[in-house]
Amino acid sequence: MSTTSNSDEFYEKLKGQLHETNSWPAEYLYKFIVKSDAVKIAKLEVIFDNMGAVISTVESKNGKYTSVSVNLLMRNPDSVIQKYQEVAEKIEGVISL
């Protein structure tokens, strides 16, 4: 099975879970892990710029990775998934939690 097919299945499952657990619009907390690289962190912040997002970062103990939390009000599950896809497309090596 291809990676695209796996990610499509993942997003469909996530969409179903988001519909079940929230009434929309709703606050959503994104969590990402990236290598501690100022450029990658800045790219991530730009993706959520001008959306009223509260963004916080925590560097790992050894400083190799940074956890980025993004909390903001999203319209619906499709908008949540769209942002996950945009992050995956624009930031190499990002891990979405």
N, C-alpha and C. Protein backbone atom coordinates (compact mmCIF):
# COMPACT_ATOMS: atom_id res chain seq x y z
N MET A 1 0.84 -1.19 0.00
CA MET A 1 0.00 0.00 0.00
C MET A 1 0.88 1.24 0.00
N SER A 2 0.52 2.24 -0.75
CA SER A 2 1.35 3.44 -0.87
C SER A 2 1.19 4.35 0.34
N THR A 3 2.15 5.24 0.52
CA THR A 3 2.10 6.19 1.61
C THR A 3 0.89 7.11 1.47
N THR A 4 0.60 7.53 0.24
CA THR A 4 -0.55 8.40 0.00
C THR A 4 -1.83 7.72 0.44
N SER A 5 -1.96 6.45 0.10
CA SER A 5 -3.15 5.70 0.49
C SER A 5 -3.24 5.59 2.00
N ASN A 6 -2.11 5.33 2.66
CA ASN A 6 -2.09 5.25 4.12
C ASN A 6 -2.47 6.59 4.74
N SER A 7 -1.94 7.69 4.21
CA SER A 7 -2.26 8.98 4.79
C SER A 7 -3.72 9.35 4.52
N ASP A 8 -4.25 8.97 3.36
CA ASP A 8 -5.66 9.22 3.07
C ASP A 8 -6.54 8.49 4.07
N GLU A 9 -6.19 7.25 4.36
CA GLU A 9 -6.95 6.47 5.35
C GLU A 9 -6.84 7.12 6.73
N PHE A 10 -5.66 7.56 7.09
CA PHE A 10 -5.44 8.21 8.38
C PHE A 10 -6.32 9.45 8.50
N TYR A 11 -6.32 10.30 7.46
CA TYR A 11 -7.09 11.54 7.51
C TYR A 11 -8.60 11.27 7.54
N GLU A 12 -9.05 10.24 6.83
CA GLU A 12 -10.48 9.89 6.87
C GLU A 12 -10.89 9.43 8.27
N LYS A 13 -10.03 8.63 8.89
CA LYS A 13 -10.31 8.16 10.25
C LYS A 13 -10.32 9.34 11.23
N LEU A 14 -9.33 10.22 11.09
CA LEU A 14 -9.26 11.40 11.95
C LEU A 14 -10.50 12.27 11.77
N LYS A 15 -10.92 12.46 10.54
CA LYS A 15 -12.10 13.28 10.26
C LYS A 15 -13.33 12.72 10.98
N GLY A 16 -13.49 11.40 10.94
CA GLY A 16 -14.61 10.76 11.64
C GLY A 16 -14.53 10.98 13.15
N GLN A 17 -13.33 10.84 13.70
CA GLN A 17 -13.14 11.03 15.14
C GLN A 17 -13.41 12.48 15.54
N LEU A 18 -12.98 13.41 14.72
CA LEU A 18 -13.21 14.83 15.02
C LEU A 18 -14.70 15.17 14.99
N HIS A 19 -15.42 14.58 14.04
CA HIS A 19 -16.87 14.80 13.98
C HIS A 19 -17.56 14.27 15.23
N GLU A 20 -17.10 13.12 15.72
CA GLU A 20 -17.72 12.47 16.88
C GLU A 20 -17.44 13.19 18.19
N THR A 21 -16.24 13.74 18.33
CA THR A 21 -15.82 14.24 19.64
C THR A 21 -15.99 15.74 19.84
N ASN A 22 -16.30 16.48 18.80
CA ASN A 22 -16.41 17.93 18.94
C ASN A 22 -17.66 18.46 18.25
N SER A 23 -18.14 19.59 18.76
CA SER A 23 -19.13 20.35 18.00
C SER A 23 -18.36 21.53 17.42
N TRP A 24 -18.59 21.83 16.18
CA TRP A 24 -17.76 22.79 15.46
C TRP A 24 -18.47 24.11 15.27
N PRO A 25 -17.72 25.22 15.24
CA PRO A 25 -16.28 25.38 15.40
C PRO A 25 -15.82 25.00 16.81
N ALA A 26 -14.54 24.60 16.91
CA ALA A 26 -14.00 24.14 18.19
C ALA A 26 -12.52 24.49 18.30
N GLU A 27 -12.06 24.59 19.55
CA GLU A 27 -10.62 24.75 19.79
C GLU A 27 -9.94 23.44 19.44
N TYR A 28 -8.78 23.53 18.78
CA TYR A 28 -8.03 22.33 18.44
C TYR A 28 -6.57 22.55 18.79
N LEU A 29 -5.96 21.52 19.35
CA LEU A 29 -4.55 21.59 19.73
C LEU A 29 -3.73 20.69 18.79
N TYR A 30 -2.91 21.33 17.98
CA TYR A 30 -1.96 20.61 17.13
C TYR A 30 -0.68 20.43 17.91
N LYS A 31 -0.02 19.27 17.70
CA LYS A 31 1.30 19.04 18.30
C LYS A 31 2.20 18.51 17.20
N PHE A 32 3.36 19.13 17.09
CA PHE A 32 4.34 18.73 16.09
C PHE A 32 5.70 18.60 16.76
N ILE A 33 6.53 17.72 16.18
CA ILE A 33 7.93 17.58 16.60
C ILE A 33 8.77 17.85 15.36
N VAL A 34 9.74 18.75 15.50
CA VAL A 34 10.66 19.05 14.41
C VAL A 34 12.08 19.08 14.97
N LYS A 35 13.05 18.87 14.08
CA LYS A 35 14.44 19.06 14.51
C LYS A 35 14.57 20.51 14.93
N SER A 36 15.38 20.75 15.94
CA SER A 36 15.56 22.12 16.45
C SER A 36 16.28 22.95 15.40
N ASP A 37 15.49 23.50 14.50
CA ASP A 37 15.98 24.29 13.38
C ASP A 37 15.08 25.53 13.31
N ALA A 38 15.66 26.69 13.51
CA ALA A 38 14.88 27.93 13.55
C ALA A 38 14.07 28.14 12.28
N VAL A 39 14.59 27.72 11.14
CA VAL A 39 13.88 27.89 9.87
C VAL A 39 12.62 27.03 9.84
N LYS A 40 12.74 25.77 10.27
CA LYS A 40 11.57 24.88 10.28
C LYS A 40 10.51 25.37 11.26
N ILE A 41 10.93 25.82 12.42
CA ILE A 41 9.99 26.33 13.41
C ILE A 41 9.30 27.59 12.88
N ALA A 42 10.05 28.46 12.22
CA ALA A 42 9.47 29.68 11.65
C ALA A 42 8.47 29.34 10.55
N LYS A 43 8.78 28.34 9.72
CA LYS A 43 7.84 27.92 8.67
C LYS A 43 6.54 27.44 9.28
N LEU A 44 6.65 26.69 10.36
CA LEU A 44 5.46 26.18 11.05
C LEU A 44 4.63 27.33 11.58
N GLU A 45 5.29 28.32 12.17
CA GLU A 45 4.58 29.47 12.71
C GLU A 45 3.89 30.27 11.60
N VAL A 46 4.51 30.37 10.44
CA VAL A 46 3.92 31.10 9.32
C VAL A 46 2.64 30.42 8.83
N ILE A 47 2.61 29.10 8.84
CA ILE A 47 1.42 28.36 8.39
C ILE A 47 0.20 28.74 9.23
N PHE A 48 0.41 29.02 10.51
CA PHE A 48 -0.70 29.35 11.41
C PHE A 48 -0.80 30.86 11.70
N ASP A 49 -0.02 31.66 10.96
CA ASP A 49 0.00 33.11 11.16
C ASP A 49 -1.36 33.72 10.83
N ASN A 50 -1.72 34.77 11.54
CA ASN A 50 -2.96 35.52 11.33
C ASN A 50 -4.23 34.69 11.50
N MET A 51 -4.15 33.65 12.33
CA MET A 51 -5.32 32.82 12.61
C MET A 51 -5.72 32.89 14.07
N GLY A 52 -5.00 33.69 14.86
CA GLY A 52 -5.28 33.78 16.28
C GLY A 52 -4.73 32.61 17.06
N ALA A 53 -3.73 31.94 16.51
CA ALA A 53 -3.15 30.76 17.15
C ALA A 53 -2.26 31.14 18.32
N VAL A 54 -2.30 30.31 19.36
CA VAL A 54 -1.37 30.42 20.47
C VAL A 54 -0.33 29.32 20.24
N ILE A 55 0.91 29.73 20.01
CA ILE A 55 1.97 28.78 19.66
C ILE A 55 3.01 28.75 20.77
N SER A 56 3.33 27.54 21.23
CA SER A 56 4.38 27.40 22.24
C SER A 56 5.36 26.33 21.80
N THR A 57 6.62 26.50 22.18
CA THR A 57 7.66 25.54 21.82
C THR A 57 8.40 25.08 23.07
N VAL A 58 8.83 23.82 23.03
CA VAL A 58 9.64 23.26 24.11
C VAL A 58 10.74 22.44 23.46
N GLU A 59 11.97 22.78 23.79
CA GLU A 59 13.11 22.05 23.25
C GLU A 59 13.35 20.79 24.05
N SER A 60 13.76 19.72 23.38
CA SER A 60 14.07 18.47 24.08
C SER A 60 15.27 18.67 25.00
N LYS A 61 15.45 17.73 25.91
CA LYS A 61 16.53 17.84 26.90
C LYS A 61 17.89 18.00 26.24
N ASN A 62 18.13 17.24 25.15
CA ASN A 62 19.44 17.34 24.49
C ASN A 62 19.47 18.42 23.40
N GLY A 63 18.34 19.11 23.19
CA GLY A 63 18.30 20.21 22.24
C GLY A 63 18.20 19.82 20.78
N LYS A 64 18.05 18.53 20.50
CA LYS A 64 18.02 18.06 19.12
C LYS A 64 16.65 18.29 18.46
N TYR A 65 15.58 18.21 19.24
CA TYR A 65 14.23 18.36 18.72
C TYR A 65 13.47 19.43 19.48
N THR A 66 12.44 19.96 18.81
CA THR A 66 11.56 20.94 19.44
C THR A 66 10.11 20.49 19.25
N SER A 67 9.36 20.54 20.34
CA SER A 67 7.93 20.26 20.30
C SER A 67 7.22 21.60 20.10
N VAL A 68 6.32 21.64 19.13
CA VAL A 68 5.57 22.86 18.85
C VAL A 68 4.08 22.57 19.04
N SER A 69 3.45 23.30 19.95
CA SER A 69 2.02 23.18 20.19
C SER A 69 1.33 24.40 19.61
N VAL A 70 0.24 24.15 18.89
CA VAL A 70 -0.52 25.23 18.26
C VAL A 70 -1.98 25.07 18.67
N ASN A 71 -2.50 26.04 19.39
CA ASN A 71 -3.89 25.97 19.85
C ASN A 71 -4.68 27.08 19.16
N LEU A 72 -5.76 26.70 18.48
CA LEU A 72 -6.57 27.71 17.82
C LEU A 72 -7.98 27.20 17.52
N LEU A 73 -8.84 28.13 17.20
CA LEU A 73 -10.23 27.82 16.88
C LEU A 73 -10.30 27.43 15.41
N MET A 74 -10.84 26.23 15.16
CA MET A 74 -10.97 25.74 13.79
C MET A 74 -12.44 25.61 13.44
N ARG A 75 -12.76 25.83 12.15
CA ARG A 75 -14.15 25.81 11.69
C ARG A 75 -14.78 24.42 11.70
N ASN A 76 -14.01 23.43 11.21
CA ASN A 76 -14.56 22.08 11.05
C ASN A 76 -13.42 21.07 10.88
N PRO A 77 -13.74 19.78 10.90
CA PRO A 77 -12.68 18.76 10.74
C PRO A 77 -11.88 18.91 9.44
N ASP A 78 -12.53 19.34 8.36
CA ASP A 78 -11.80 19.51 7.10
C ASP A 78 -10.71 20.57 7.21
N SER A 79 -10.99 21.65 7.94
CA SER A 79 -9.97 22.70 8.10
C SER A 79 -8.81 22.20 8.97
N VAL A 80 -9.10 21.34 9.95
CA VAL A 80 -8.05 20.74 10.79
C VAL A 80 -7.13 19.90 9.92
N ILE A 81 -7.72 19.04 9.10
CA ILE A 81 -6.95 18.14 8.24
C ILE A 81 -6.17 18.92 7.20
N GLN A 82 -6.76 19.97 6.66
CA GLN A 82 -6.08 20.80 5.67
C GLN A 82 -4.77 21.36 6.23
N LYS A 83 -4.80 21.80 7.49
CA LYS A 83 -3.58 22.34 8.10
C LYS A 83 -2.53 21.25 8.32
N TYR A 84 -2.96 20.05 8.75
CA TYR A 84 -2.01 18.94 8.89
C TYR A 84 -1.33 18.66 7.55
N GLN A 85 -2.12 18.64 6.48
CA GLN A 85 -1.57 18.35 5.15
C GLN A 85 -0.62 19.45 4.69
N GLU A 86 -0.97 20.70 4.98
CA GLU A 86 -0.11 21.82 4.61
C GLU A 86 1.23 21.75 5.34
N VAL A 87 1.19 21.42 6.63
CA VAL A 87 2.42 21.29 7.41
C VAL A 87 3.28 20.16 6.85
N ALA A 88 2.67 19.01 6.58
CA ALA A 88 3.42 17.86 6.06
C ALA A 88 4.06 18.17 4.70
N GLU A 89 3.35 18.97 3.90
CA GLU A 89 3.84 19.32 2.57
C GLU A 89 4.98 20.33 2.61
N LYS A 90 4.93 21.27 3.54
CA LYS A 90 5.89 22.38 3.56
C LYS A 90 7.09 22.19 4.46
N ILE A 91 7.00 21.25 5.42
CA ILE A 91 8.09 21.10 6.39
C ILE A 91 8.59 19.67 6.36
N GLU A 92 9.78 19.51 5.85
CA GLU A 92 10.38 18.19 5.71
C GLU A 92 10.71 17.61 7.10
N GLY A 93 10.35 16.35 7.32
CA GLY A 93 10.72 15.65 8.54
C GLY A 93 9.87 15.97 9.74
N VAL A 94 8.77 16.71 9.58
CA VAL A 94 7.90 17.04 10.72
C VAL A 94 7.14 15.79 11.15
N ILE A 95 6.95 15.65 12.43
CA ILE A 95 6.15 14.57 12.99
C ILE A 95 4.89 15.19 13.59
N SER A 96 3.74 14.76 13.12
CA SER A 96 2.47 15.26 13.65
C SER A 96 1.95 14.28 14.68
N LEU A 97 1.55 14.80 15.83
CA LEU A 97 1.03 13.95 16.89
C LEU A 97 -0.47 14.16 17.04
